[in-house]
């Protein structure tokens, strides 16, 4: 196992909640080394971090490891959902009738408030 792949696995397994789901694929071409990181979708926020700061820090560390081994290392974080938000956040404030969807509100019709 190459040092860069081993280093990435060690870092990510210590960050995520599901370390057994961490998988790193390493490919080498004329552009350098590409490490593709596959993790449990529930752990995506831990690896990316707020505003991508954690992912950027990991990429910076990988560039240092690559420089020690005279190679260019790039990180691709595999997202099976293509970056789409999993659950839409309701807007702040009260929910409108369209936000409620299929909620049964018949029990509330007789309330005298």
PDB file of N, CA and C in Angstrom:
ATOM      1  N   UNK A   1       0.850  -1.191   0.000  1.00  0.00           N
ATOM      2  CA  UNK A   1       0.000   0.000   0.000  1.00  0.00           C
ATOM      3  C   UNK A   1       0.883   1.237   0.000  1.00  0.00           C
ATOM      4  N   UNK A   2       0.524   2.180  -0.844  1.00  0.00           N
ATOM      5  CA  UNK A   2       1.293   3.405  -0.956  1.00  0.00           C
ATOM      6  C   UNK A   2       1.090   4.285   0.274  1.00  0.00           C
ATOM      7  N   UNK A   3       2.077   5.128   0.549  1.00  0.00           N
ATOM      8  CA  UNK A   3       2.043   5.982   1.737  1.00  0.00           C
ATOM      9  C   UNK A   3       0.886   6.972   1.698  1.00  0.00           C
ATOM     10  N   UNK A   4       0.590   7.529   0.515  1.00  0.00           N
ATOM     11  CA  UNK A   4      -0.486   8.515   0.430  1.00  0.00           C
ATOM     12  C   UNK A   4      -1.852   7.890   0.693  1.00  0.00           C
ATOM     13  N   UNK A   5      -2.094   6.709   0.161  1.00  0.00           N
ATOM     14  CA  UNK A   5      -3.366   6.013   0.390  1.00  0.00           C
ATOM     15  C   UNK A   5      -3.510   5.625   1.860  1.00  0.00           C
ATOM     16  N   UNK A   6      -2.436   5.117   2.427  1.00  0.00           N
ATOM     17  CA  UNK A   6      -2.451   4.707   3.828  1.00  0.00           C
ATOM     18  C   UNK A   6      -2.669   5.919   4.743  1.00  0.00           C
ATOM     19  N   UNK A   7      -2.043   7.031   4.419  1.00  0.00           N
ATOM     20  CA  UNK A   7      -2.188   8.261   5.199  1.00  0.00           C
ATOM     21  C   UNK A   7      -3.632   8.763   5.162  1.00  0.00           C
ATOM     22  N   UNK A   8      -4.239   8.775   3.967  1.00  0.00           N
ATOM     23  CA  UNK A   8      -5.620   9.239   3.824  1.00  0.00           C
ATOM     24  C   UNK A   8      -6.573   8.340   4.612  1.00  0.00           C
ATOM     25  N   UNK A   9      -6.406   7.033   4.503  1.00  0.00           N
ATOM     26  CA  UNK A   9      -7.272   6.114   5.243  1.00  0.00           C
ATOM     27  C   UNK A   9      -7.161   6.332   6.749  1.00  0.00           C
ATOM     28  N   UNK A  10      -5.958   6.535   7.228  1.00  0.00           N
ATOM     29  CA  UNK A  10      -5.749   6.743   8.659  1.00  0.00           C
ATOM     30  C   UNK A  10      -6.450   8.009   9.146  1.00  0.00           C
ATOM     31  N   UNK A  11      -6.333   9.091   8.393  1.00  0.00           N
ATOM     32  CA  UNK A  11      -6.969  10.352   8.786  1.00  0.00           C
ATOM     33  C   UNK A  11      -8.490  10.220   8.774  1.00  0.00           C
ATOM     34  N   UNK A  12      -9.039   9.717   7.684  1.00  0.00           N
ATOM     35  CA  UNK A  12     -10.492   9.677   7.523  1.00  0.00           C
ATOM     36  C   UNK A  12     -11.133   8.708   8.504  1.00  0.00           C
ATOM     37  N   UNK A  13     -10.508   7.563   8.739  1.00  0.00           N
ATOM     38  CA  UNK A  13     -11.088   6.592   9.675  1.00  0.00           C
ATOM     39  C   UNK A  13     -11.170   7.153  11.093  1.00  0.00           C
ATOM     40  N   UNK A  14     -10.313   8.092  11.426  1.00  0.00           N
ATOM     41  CA  UNK A  14     -10.352   8.711  12.748  1.00  0.00           C
ATOM     42  C   UNK A  14     -11.332   9.875  12.824  1.00  0.00           C
ATOM     43  N   UNK A  15     -11.846  10.329  11.697  1.00  0.00           N
ATOM     44  CA  UNK A  15     -12.794  11.437  11.675  1.00  0.00           C
ATOM     45  C   UNK A  15     -14.230  10.934  11.676  1.00  0.00           C
ATOM     46  N   UNK A  16     -14.513   9.891  10.901  1.00  0.00           N
ATOM     47  CA  UNK A  16     -15.891   9.470  10.636  1.00  0.00           C
ATOM     48  C   UNK A  16     -16.464   8.586  11.743  1.00  0.00           C
ATOM     49  N   UNK A  17     -17.783   8.428  11.720  1.00  0.00           N
ATOM     50  CA  UNK A  17     -18.478   7.569  12.680  1.00  0.00           C
ATOM     51  C   UNK A  17     -18.496   6.108  12.238  1.00  0.00           C
ATOM     52  N   UNK A  18     -18.355   5.868  10.937  1.00  0.00           N
ATOM     53  CA  UNK A  18     -18.379   4.510  10.380  1.00  0.00           C
ATOM     54  C   UNK A  18     -17.051   4.202   9.688  1.00  0.00           C
ATOM     55  N   UNK A  19     -15.993   3.935  10.455  1.00  0.00           N
ATOM     56  CA  UNK A  19     -14.681   3.730   9.832  1.00  0.00           C
ATOM     57  C   UNK A  19     -14.595   2.489   8.946  1.00  0.00           C
ATOM     58  N   UNK A  20     -15.478   1.517   9.150  1.00  0.00           N
ATOM     59  CA  UNK A  20     -15.441   0.314   8.313  1.00  0.00           C
ATOM     60  C   UNK A  20     -15.928   0.589   6.895  1.00  0.00           C
ATOM     61  N   UNK A  21     -16.644   1.687   6.689  1.00  0.00           N
ATOM     62  CA  UNK A  21     -17.168   2.030   5.369  1.00  0.00           C
ATOM     63  C   UNK A  21     -16.191   2.859   4.540  1.00  0.00           C
ATOM     64  N   UNK A  22     -15.027   3.180   5.080  1.00  0.00           N
ATOM     65  CA  UNK A  22     -14.048   4.001   4.363  1.00  0.00           C
ATOM     66  C   UNK A  22     -13.326   3.131   3.328  1.00  0.00           C
ATOM     67  N   UNK A  23     -13.335   3.621   2.075  1.00  0.00           N
ATOM     68  CA  UNK A  23     -12.666   2.911   0.987  1.00  0.00           C
ATOM     69  C   UNK A  23     -11.918   3.939   0.143  1.00  0.00           C
ATOM     70  N   UNK A  24     -10.656   3.672  -0.131  1.00  0.00           N
ATOM     71  CA  UNK A  24      -9.842   4.585  -0.935  1.00  0.00           C
ATOM     72  C   UNK A  24      -9.338   3.828  -2.159  1.00  0.00           C
ATOM     73  N   UNK A  25      -9.616   4.383  -3.337  1.00  0.00           N
ATOM     74  CA  UNK A  25      -9.109   3.822  -4.585  1.00  0.00           C
ATOM     75  C   UNK A  25      -7.997   4.724  -5.092  1.00  0.00           C
ATOM     76  N   UNK A  26      -6.888   4.124  -5.497  1.00  0.00           N
ATOM     77  CA  UNK A  26      -5.725   4.889  -5.952  1.00  0.00           C
ATOM     78  C   UNK A  26      -5.474   4.605  -7.425  1.00  0.00           C
ATOM     79  N   UNK A  27      -5.427   5.657  -8.246  1.00  0.00           N
ATOM     80  CA  UNK A  27      -5.090   5.516  -9.662  1.00  0.00           C
ATOM     81  C   UNK A  27      -3.958   6.472  -9.995  1.00  0.00           C
ATOM     82  N   UNK A  28      -3.090   6.017 -10.876  1.00  0.00           N
ATOM     83  CA  UNK A  28      -1.937   6.824 -11.289  1.00  0.00           C
ATOM     84  C   UNK A  28      -2.016   7.023 -12.796  1.00  0.00           C
ATOM     85  N   UNK A  29      -1.832   8.273 -13.234  1.00  0.00           N
ATOM     86  CA  UNK A  29      -1.782   8.576 -14.660  1.00  0.00           C
ATOM     87  C   UNK A  29      -0.747   9.668 -14.893  1.00  0.00           C
ATOM     88  N   UNK A  30      -0.748  10.258 -16.088  1.00  0.00           N
ATOM     89  CA  UNK A  30       0.261  11.275 -16.402  1.00  0.00           C
ATOM     90  C   UNK A  30       0.080  12.555 -15.594  1.00  0.00           C
ATOM     91  N   UNK A  31      -1.114  12.764 -15.029  1.00  0.00           N
ATOM     92  CA  UNK A  31      -1.368  13.947 -14.209  1.00  0.00           C
ATOM     93  C   UNK A  31      -0.910  13.763 -12.768  1.00  0.00           C
ATOM     94  N   UNK A  32      -0.657  12.548 -12.351  1.00  0.00           N
ATOM     95  CA  UNK A  32      -0.234  12.280 -10.984  1.00  0.00           C
ATOM     96  C   UNK A  32      -1.084  11.190 -10.355  1.00  0.00           C
ATOM     97  N   UNK A  33      -1.256  11.267  -9.058  1.00  0.00           N
ATOM     98  CA  UNK A  33      -2.003  10.271  -8.295  1.00  0.00           C
ATOM     99  C   UNK A  33      -3.377  10.838  -7.966  1.00  0.00           C
ATOM    100  N   UNK A  34      -4.413  10.032  -8.187  1.00  0.00           N
ATOM    101  CA  UNK A  34      -5.773  10.424  -7.825  1.00  0.00           C
ATOM    102  C   UNK A  34      -6.277   9.445  -6.780  1.00  0.00           C
ATOM    103  N   UNK A  35      -6.607   9.972  -5.616  1.00  0.00           N
ATOM    104  CA  UNK A  35      -7.197   9.166  -4.553  1.00  0.00           C
ATOM    105  C   UNK A  35      -8.683   9.467  -4.515  1.00  0.00           C
ATOM    106  N   UNK A  36      -9.504   8.430  -4.726  1.00  0.00           N
ATOM    107  CA  UNK A  36     -10.953   8.577  -4.677  1.00  0.00           C
ATOM    108  C   UNK A  36     -11.432   8.013  -3.356  1.00  0.00           C
ATOM    109  N   UNK A  37     -12.044   8.864  -2.547  1.00  0.00           N
ATOM    110  CA  UNK A  37     -12.497   8.494  -1.218  1.00  0.00           C
ATOM    111  C   UNK A  37     -13.988   8.189  -1.244  1.00  0.00           C
ATOM    112  N   UNK A  38     -14.344   6.986  -0.803  1.00  0.00           N
ATOM    113  CA  UNK A  38     -15.747   6.591  -0.694  1.00  0.00           C
ATOM    114  C   UNK A  38     -16.036   6.328   0.772  1.00  0.00           C
ATOM    115  N   UNK A  39     -17.058   7.020   1.283  1.00  0.00           N
ATOM    116  CA  UNK A  39     -17.425   6.883   2.689  1.00  0.00           C
ATOM    117  C   UNK A  39     -18.935   6.725   2.810  1.00  0.00           C
ATOM    118  N   UNK A  40     -19.370   6.426   4.001  1.00  0.00           N
ATOM    119  CA  UNK A  40     -20.795   6.343   4.292  1.00  0.00           C
ATOM    120  C   UNK A  40     -21.401   7.737   4.098  1.00  0.00           C
ATOM    121  N   UNK A  41     -22.538   7.851   3.388  1.00  0.00           N
ATOM    122  CA  UNK A  41     -23.134   9.179   3.169  1.00  0.00           C
ATOM    123  C   UNK A  41     -23.432   9.944   4.462  1.00  0.00           C
ATOM    124  N   UNK A  42     -23.657   9.236   5.557  1.00  0.00           N
ATOM    125  CA  UNK A  42     -23.921   9.910   6.833  1.00  0.00           C
ATOM    126  C   UNK A  42     -22.683  10.626   7.361  1.00  0.00           C
ATOM    127  N   UNK A  43     -21.501  10.223   6.913  1.00  0.00           N
ATOM    128  CA  UNK A  43     -20.238  10.811   7.370  1.00  0.00           C
ATOM    129  C   UNK A  43     -19.718  11.921   6.460  1.00  0.00           C
ATOM    130  N   UNK A  44     -20.457  12.238   5.413  1.00  0.00           N
ATOM    131  CA  UNK A  44     -19.987  13.215   4.441  1.00  0.00           C
ATOM    132  C   UNK A  44     -19.697  14.572   5.088  1.00  0.00           C
ATOM    133  N   UNK A  45     -20.529  14.998   6.005  1.00  0.00           N
ATOM    134  CA  UNK A  45     -20.327  16.287   6.667  1.00  0.00           C
ATOM    135  C   UNK A  45     -19.062  16.342   7.498  1.00  0.00           C
ATOM    136  N   UNK A  46     -18.691  15.210   8.112  1.00  0.00           N
ATOM    137  CA  UNK A  46     -17.469  15.172   8.918  1.00  0.00           C
ATOM    138  C   UNK A  46     -16.240  15.364   8.045  1.00  0.00           C
ATOM    139  N   UNK A  47     -16.239  14.754   6.873  1.00  0.00           N
ATOM    140  CA  UNK A  47     -15.062  14.809   5.998  1.00  0.00           C
ATOM    141  C   UNK A  47     -14.980  16.140   5.269  1.00  0.00           C
ATOM    142  N   UNK A  48     -16.111  16.680   4.853  1.00  0.00           N
ATOM    143  CA  UNK A  48     -16.088  17.947   4.125  1.00  0.00           C
ATOM    144  C   UNK A  48     -15.900  19.116   5.081  1.00  0.00           C
ATOM    145  N   UNK A  49     -16.598  19.097   6.197  1.00  0.00           N
ATOM    146  CA  UNK A  49     -16.442  20.158   7.185  1.00  0.00           C
ATOM    147  C   UNK A  49     -17.199  21.411   6.816  1.00  0.00           C
ATOM    148  N   UNK A  50     -17.199  22.363   7.722  1.00  0.00           N
ATOM    149  CA  UNK A  50     -17.894  23.625   7.488  1.00  0.00           C
ATOM    150  C   UNK A  50     -17.193  24.407   6.386  1.00  0.00           C
ATOM    151  N   UNK A  51     -17.962  24.726   5.355  1.00  0.00           N
ATOM    152  CA  UNK A  51     -17.461  25.455   4.184  1.00  0.00           C
ATOM    153  C   UNK A  51     -16.284  24.744   3.517  1.00  0.00           C
ATOM    154  N   UNK A  52     -16.189  23.426   3.681  1.00  0.00           N
ATOM    155  CA  UNK A  52     -15.148  22.647   3.023  1.00  0.00           C
ATOM    156  C   UNK A  52     -13.776  22.741   3.659  1.00  0.00           C
ATOM    157  N   UNK A  53     -13.708  23.257   4.875  1.00  0.00           N
ATOM    158  CA  UNK A  53     -12.403  23.471   5.503  1.00  0.00           C
ATOM    159  C   UNK A  53     -11.677  22.171   5.814  1.00  0.00           C
ATOM    160  N   UNK A  54     -12.402  21.142   6.265  1.00  0.00           N
ATOM    161  CA  UNK A  54     -11.752  19.878   6.597  1.00  0.00           C
ATOM    162  C   UNK A  54     -11.221  19.213   5.333  1.00  0.00           C
ATOM    163  N   UNK A  55     -12.026  19.195   4.278  1.00  0.00           N
ATOM    164  CA  UNK A  55     -11.590  18.606   3.014  1.00  0.00           C
ATOM    165  C   UNK A  55     -10.365  19.340   2.471  1.00  0.00           C
ATOM    166  N   UNK A  56     -10.355  20.652   2.576  1.00  0.00           N
ATOM    167  CA  UNK A  56      -9.215  21.429   2.089  1.00  0.00           C
ATOM    168  C   UNK A  56      -7.962  21.130   2.910  1.00  0.00           C
ATOM    169  N   UNK A  57      -8.124  20.962   4.216  1.00  0.00           N
ATOM    170  CA  UNK A  57      -6.971  20.630   5.067  1.00  0.00           C
ATOM    171  C   UNK A  57      -6.413  19.255   4.711  1.00  0.00           C
ATOM    172  N   UNK A  58      -7.296  18.293   4.450  1.00  0.00           N
ATOM    173  CA  UNK A  58      -6.840  16.948   4.053  1.00  0.00           C
ATOM    174  C   UNK A  58      -6.108  17.022   2.719  1.00  0.00           C
ATOM    175  N   UNK A  59      -6.627  17.802   1.775  1.00  0.00           N
ATOM    176  CA  UNK A  59      -5.958  17.953   0.475  1.00  0.00           C
ATOM    177  C   UNK A  59      -4.571  18.584   0.635  1.00  0.00           C
ATOM    178  N   UNK A  60      -4.456  19.557   1.522  1.00  0.00           N
ATOM    179  CA  UNK A  60      -3.162  20.202   1.764  1.00  0.00           C
ATOM    180  C   UNK A  60      -2.164  19.198   2.333  1.00  0.00           C
ATOM    181  N   UNK A  61      -2.603  18.400   3.296  1.00  0.00           N
ATOM    182  CA  UNK A  61      -1.723  17.379   3.870  1.00  0.00           C
ATOM    183  C   UNK A  61      -1.296  16.346   2.823  1.00  0.00           C
ATOM    184  N   UNK A  62      -2.225  15.966   1.934  1.00  0.00           N
ATOM    185  CA  UNK A  62      -1.894  15.006   0.883  1.00  0.00           C
ATOM    186  C   UNK A  62      -0.883  15.576  -0.103  1.00  0.00           C
ATOM    187  N   UNK A  63      -0.958  16.873  -0.359  1.00  0.00           N
ATOM    188  CA  UNK A  63       0.025  17.492  -1.241  1.00  0.00           C
ATOM    189  C   UNK A  63       1.424  17.436  -0.614  1.00  0.00           C
ATOM    190  N   UNK A  64       1.484  17.590   0.705  1.00  0.00           N
ATOM    191  CA  UNK A  64       2.763  17.498   1.404  1.00  0.00           C
ATOM    192  C   UNK A  64       3.309  16.080   1.332  1.00  0.00           C
ATOM    193  N   UNK A  65       2.438  15.091   1.561  1.00  0.00           N
ATOM    194  CA  UNK A  65       2.861  13.684   1.462  1.00  0.00           C
ATOM    195  C   UNK A  65       3.333  13.390   0.040  1.00  0.00           C
ATOM    196  N   UNK A  66       2.607  13.902  -0.951  1.00  0.00           N
ATOM    197  CA  UNK A  66       3.003  13.699  -2.338  1.00  0.00           C
ATOM    198  C   UNK A  66       4.329  14.358  -2.660  1.00  0.00           C
ATOM    199  N   UNK A  67       4.567  15.541  -2.134  1.00  0.00           N
ATOM    200  CA  UNK A  67       5.830  16.241  -2.385  1.00  0.00           C
ATOM    201  C   UNK A  67       7.010  15.460  -1.826  1.00  0.00           C
ATOM    202  N   UNK A  68       6.819  14.806  -0.676  1.00  0.00           N
ATOM    203  CA  UNK A  68       7.894  13.983  -0.103  1.00  0.00           C
ATOM    204  C   UNK A  68       8.225  12.791  -1.000  1.00  0.00           C
ATOM    205  N   UNK A  69       7.220  12.324  -1.756  1.00  0.00           N
ATOM    206  CA  UNK A  69       7.409  11.167  -2.631  1.00  0.00           C
ATOM    207  C   UNK A  69       7.524  11.559  -4.105  1.00  0.00           C
ATOM    208  N   UNK A  70       7.759  12.851  -4.366  1.00  0.00           N
ATOM    209  CA  UNK A  70       7.916  13.370  -5.725  1.00  0.00           C
ATOM    210  C   UNK A  70       6.732  13.020  -6.626  1.00  0.00           C
ATOM    211  N   UNK A  71       5.516  13.201  -6.110  1.00  0.00           N
ATOM    212  CA  UNK A  71       4.326  12.952  -6.918  1.00  0.00           C
ATOM    213  C   UNK A  71       3.273  14.002  -6.598  1.00  0.00           C
ATOM    214  N   UNK A  72       2.365  14.168  -7.529  1.00  0.00           N
ATOM    215  CA  UNK A  72       1.264  15.107  -7.346  1.00  0.00           C
ATOM    216  C   UNK A  72       0.038  14.301  -6.932  1.00  0.00           C
ATOM    217  N   UNK A  73      -0.501  14.582  -5.758  1.00  0.00           N
ATOM    218  CA  UNK A  73      -1.620  13.818  -5.212  1.00  0.00           C
ATOM    219  C   UNK A  73      -2.863  14.698  -5.185  1.00  0.00           C
ATOM    220  N   UNK A  74      -3.951  14.181  -5.747  1.00  0.00           N
ATOM    221  CA  UNK A  74      -5.237  14.869  -5.740  1.00  0.00           C
ATOM    222  C   UNK A  74      -6.262  13.989  -5.051  1.00  0.00           C
ATOM    223  N   UNK A  75      -7.231  14.622  -4.391  1.00  0.00           N
ATOM    224  CA  UNK A  75      -8.275  13.906  -3.667  1.00  0.00           C
ATOM    225  C   UNK A  75      -9.623  14.194  -4.299  1.00  0.00           C
ATOM    226  N   UNK A  76     -10.366  13.114  -4.567  1.00  0.00           N
ATOM    227  CA  UNK A  76     -11.739  13.225  -5.040  1.00  0.00           C
ATOM    228  C   UNK A  76     -12.617  12.539  -4.007  1.00  0.00           C
ATOM    229  N   UNK A  77     -13.585  13.269  -3.471  1.00  0.00           N
ATOM    230  CA  UNK A  77     -14.514  12.692  -2.503  1.00  0.00           C
ATOM    231  C   UNK A  77     -15.752  12.264  -3.279  1.00  0.00           C
ATOM    232  N   UNK A  78     -15.971  10.959  -3.360  1.00  0.00           N
ATOM    233  CA  UNK A  78     -17.068  10.398  -4.131  1.00  0.00           C
ATOM    234  C   UNK A  78     -18.383  10.664  -3.424  1.00  0.00           C
ATOM    235  N   UNK A  79     -19.325  11.273  -4.155  1.00  0.00           N
ATOM    236  CA  UNK A  79     -20.658  11.536  -3.618  1.00  0.00           C
ATOM    237  C   UNK A  79     -21.671  10.845  -4.520  1.00  0.00           C
ATOM    238  N   UNK A  80     -22.269   9.743  -4.066  1.00  0.00           N
ATOM    239  CA  UNK A  80     -23.191   9.002  -4.927  1.00  0.00           C
ATOM    240  C   UNK A  80     -24.429   9.799  -5.308  1.00  0.00           C
ATOM    241  N   UNK A  81     -24.752  10.829  -4.547  1.00  0.00           N
ATOM    242  CA  UNK A  81     -25.935  11.638  -4.843  1.00  0.00           C
ATOM    243  C   UNK A  81     -25.594  12.875  -5.662  1.00  0.00           C
ATOM    244  N   UNK A  82     -24.369  13.013  -6.072  1.00  0.00           N
ATOM    245  CA  UNK A  82     -23.983  14.117  -6.938  1.00  0.00           C
ATOM    246  C   UNK A  82     -24.021  15.484  -6.297  1.00  0.00           C
ATOM    247  N   UNK A  83     -23.880  15.552  -4.985  1.00  0.00           N
ATOM    248  CA  UNK A  83     -23.864  16.834  -4.293  1.00  0.00           C
ATOM    249  C   UNK A  83     -25.241  17.375  -3.971  1.00  0.00           C
ATOM    250  N   UNK A  84     -26.279  16.615  -4.282  1.00  0.00           N
ATOM    251  CA  UNK A  84     -27.639  17.079  -3.981  1.00  0.00           C
ATOM    252  C   UNK A  84     -27.887  16.999  -2.479  1.00  0.00           C
ATOM    253  N   UNK A  85     -28.598  17.972  -1.969  1.00  0.00           N
ATOM    254  CA  UNK A  85     -28.923  17.978  -0.547  1.00  0.00           C
ATOM    255  C   UNK A  85     -29.907  16.848  -0.276  1.00  0.00           C
ATOM    256  N   UNK A  86     -29.645  16.086   0.774  1.00  0.00           N
ATOM    257  CA  UNK A  86     -30.459  14.909   1.069  1.00  0.00           C
ATOM    258  C   UNK A  86     -31.857  15.269   1.563  1.00  0.00           C
ATOM    259  N   UNK A  87     -31.950  16.190   2.509  1.00  0.00           N
ATOM    260  CA  UNK A  87     -33.237  16.594   3.041  1.00  0.00           C
ATOM    261  C   UNK A  87     -33.335  18.104   2.989  1.00  0.00           C
ATOM    262  N   UNK A  88     -34.352  18.636   2.347  1.00  0.00           N
ATOM    263  CA  UNK A  88     -34.480  20.087   2.299  1.00  0.00           C
ATOM    264  C   UNK A  88     -34.834  20.636   3.676  1.00  0.00           C
ATOM    265  N   UNK A  89     -34.238  21.736   4.007  1.00  0.00           N
ATOM    266  CA  UNK A  89     -34.507  22.371   5.292  1.00  0.00           C
ATOM    267  C   UNK A  89     -35.747  23.237   5.182  1.00  0.00           C
ATOM    268  N   UNK A  90     -36.658  23.120   6.142  1.00  0.00           N
ATOM    269  CA  UNK A  90     -37.814  24.023   6.111  1.00  0.00           C
ATOM    270  C   UNK A  90     -37.355  25.437   6.422  1.00  0.00           C
ATOM    271  N   UNK A  91     -38.060  26.396   5.880  1.00  0.00           N
ATOM    272  CA  UNK A  91     -37.676  27.783   6.122  1.00  0.00           C
ATOM    273  C   UNK A  91     -37.922  28.145   7.579  1.00  0.00           C
ATOM    274  N   UNK A  92     -37.193  29.098   8.056  1.00  0.00           N
ATOM    275  CA  UNK A  92     -37.360  29.559   9.427  1.00  0.00           C
ATOM    276  C   UNK A  92     -38.735  30.193   9.564  1.00  0.00           C
ATOM    277  N   UNK A  93     -39.390  30.009  10.675  1.00  0.00           N
ATOM    278  CA  UNK A  93     -40.714  30.581  10.882  1.00  0.00           C
ATOM    279  C   UNK A  93     -41.776  29.509  10.755  1.00  0.00           C
ATOM    280  N   UNK A  94     -43.018  29.952  10.510  1.00  0.00           N
ATOM    281  CA  UNK A  94     -44.124  29.001  10.464  1.00  0.00           C
ATOM    282  C   UNK A  94     -44.162  28.270   9.137  1.00  0.00           C
ATOM    283  N   UNK A  95     -44.672  27.037   9.180  1.00  0.00           N
ATOM    284  CA  UNK A  95     -44.785  26.227   7.984  1.00  0.00           C
ATOM    285  C   UNK A  95     -46.100  26.536   7.280  1.00  0.00           C
ATOM    286  N   UNK A  96     -46.063  26.687   5.985  1.00  0.00           N
ATOM    287  CA  UNK A  96     -47.282  26.920   5.228  1.00  0.00           C
ATOM    288  C   UNK A  96     -47.952  25.587   4.937  1.00  0.00           C
ATOM    289  N   UNK A  97     -49.173  25.615   4.403  1.00  0.00           N
ATOM    290  CA  UNK A  97     -49.895  24.374   4.137  1.00  0.00           C
ATOM    291  C   UNK A  97     -49.189  23.535   3.091  1.00  0.00           C
ATOM    292  N   UNK A  98     -48.455  24.158   2.175  1.00  0.00           N
ATOM    293  CA  UNK A  98     -47.729  23.376   1.173  1.00  0.00           C
ATOM    294  C   UNK A  98     -46.540  22.652   1.788  1.00  0.00           C
ATOM    295  N   UNK A  99     -45.974  23.138   2.900  1.00  0.00           N
ATOM    296  CA  UNK A  99     -44.862  22.480   3.568  1.00  0.00           C
ATOM    297  C   UNK A  99     -45.311  21.239   4.324  1.00  0.00           C
ATOM    298  N   UNK A 100     -46.605  21.175   4.677  1.00  0.00           N
ATOM    299  CA  UNK A 100     -47.087  20.069   5.490  1.00  0.00           C
ATOM    300  C   UNK A 100     -47.287  18.799   4.685  1.00  0.00           C
ATOM    301  N   UNK A 101     -47.478  18.885   3.402  1.00  0.00           N
ATOM    302  CA  UNK A 101     -47.600  17.711   2.563  1.00  0.00           C
ATOM    303  C   UNK A 101     -48.819  16.883   2.900  1.00  0.00           C
ATOM    304  N   UNK A 102     -48.645  15.633   3.308  1.00  0.00           N
ATOM    305  CA  UNK A 102     -49.735  14.701   3.570  1.00  0.00           C
ATOM    306  C   UNK A 102     -50.096  14.612   5.045  1.00  0.00           C
ATOM    307  N   UNK A 103     -49.879  15.633   5.818  1.00  0.00           N
ATOM    308  CA  UNK A 103     -50.179  15.614   7.238  1.00  0.00           C
ATOM    309  C   UNK A 103     -51.685  15.752   7.438  1.00  0.00           C
ATOM    310  N   UNK A 104     -52.261  14.862   8.258  1.00  0.00           N
ATOM    311  CA  UNK A 104     -53.690  14.905   8.551  1.00  0.00           C
ATOM    312  C   UNK A 104     -53.945  15.965   9.620  1.00  0.00           C
ATOM    313  N   UNK A 105     -54.686  17.004   9.255  1.00  0.00           N
ATOM    314  CA  UNK A 105     -54.977  18.095  10.186  1.00  0.00           C
ATOM    315  C   UNK A 105     -56.436  18.094  10.625  1.00  0.00           C
ATOM    316  N   UNK A 106     -57.178  17.021  10.364  1.00  0.00           N
ATOM    317  CA  UNK A 106     -58.605  16.980  10.693  1.00  0.00           C
ATOM    318  C   UNK A 106     -58.856  17.064  12.198  1.00  0.00           C
ATOM    319  N   UNK A 107     -57.929  16.609  13.022  1.00  0.00           N
ATOM    320  CA  UNK A 107     -58.111  16.669  14.469  1.00  0.00           C
ATOM    321  C   UNK A 107     -58.051  18.110  14.984  1.00  0.00           C
ATOM    322  N   UNK A 108     -57.484  19.007  14.233  1.00  0.00           N
ATOM    323  CA  UNK A 108     -57.343  20.388  14.656  1.00  0.00           C
ATOM    324  C   UNK A 108     -58.527  21.260  14.264  1.00  0.00           C
ATOM    325  N   UNK A 109     -59.410  20.748  13.412  1.00  0.00           N
ATOM    326  CA  UNK A 109     -60.515  21.557  12.909  1.00  0.00           C
ATOM    327  C   UNK A 109     -61.494  21.982  14.005  1.00  0.00           C
ATOM    328  N   UNK A 110     -61.673  21.159  15.030  1.00  0.00           N
ATOM    329  CA  UNK A 110     -62.655  21.456  16.077  1.00  0.00           C
ATOM    330  C   UNK A 110     -62.081  22.224  17.248  1.00  0.00           C
ATOM    331  N   UNK A 111     -60.803  22.569  17.206  1.00  0.00           N
ATOM    332  CA  UNK A 111     -60.210  23.309  18.325  1.00  0.00           C
ATOM    333  C   UNK A 111     -60.703  24.741  18.343  1.00  0.00           C
ATOM    334  N   UNK A 112     -60.971  25.216  19.547  1.00  0.00           N
ATOM    335  CA  UNK A 112     -61.407  26.613  19.715  1.00  0.00           C
ATOM    336  C   UNK A 112     -60.281  27.365  20.407  1.00  0.00           C
ATOM    337  N   UNK A 113     -59.494  28.032  19.623  1.00  0.00           N
ATOM    338  CA  UNK A 113     -58.326  28.730  20.153  1.00  0.00           C
ATOM    339  C   UNK A 113     -58.518  30.214  19.974  1.00  0.00           C
TER     340      UNK A 113
END
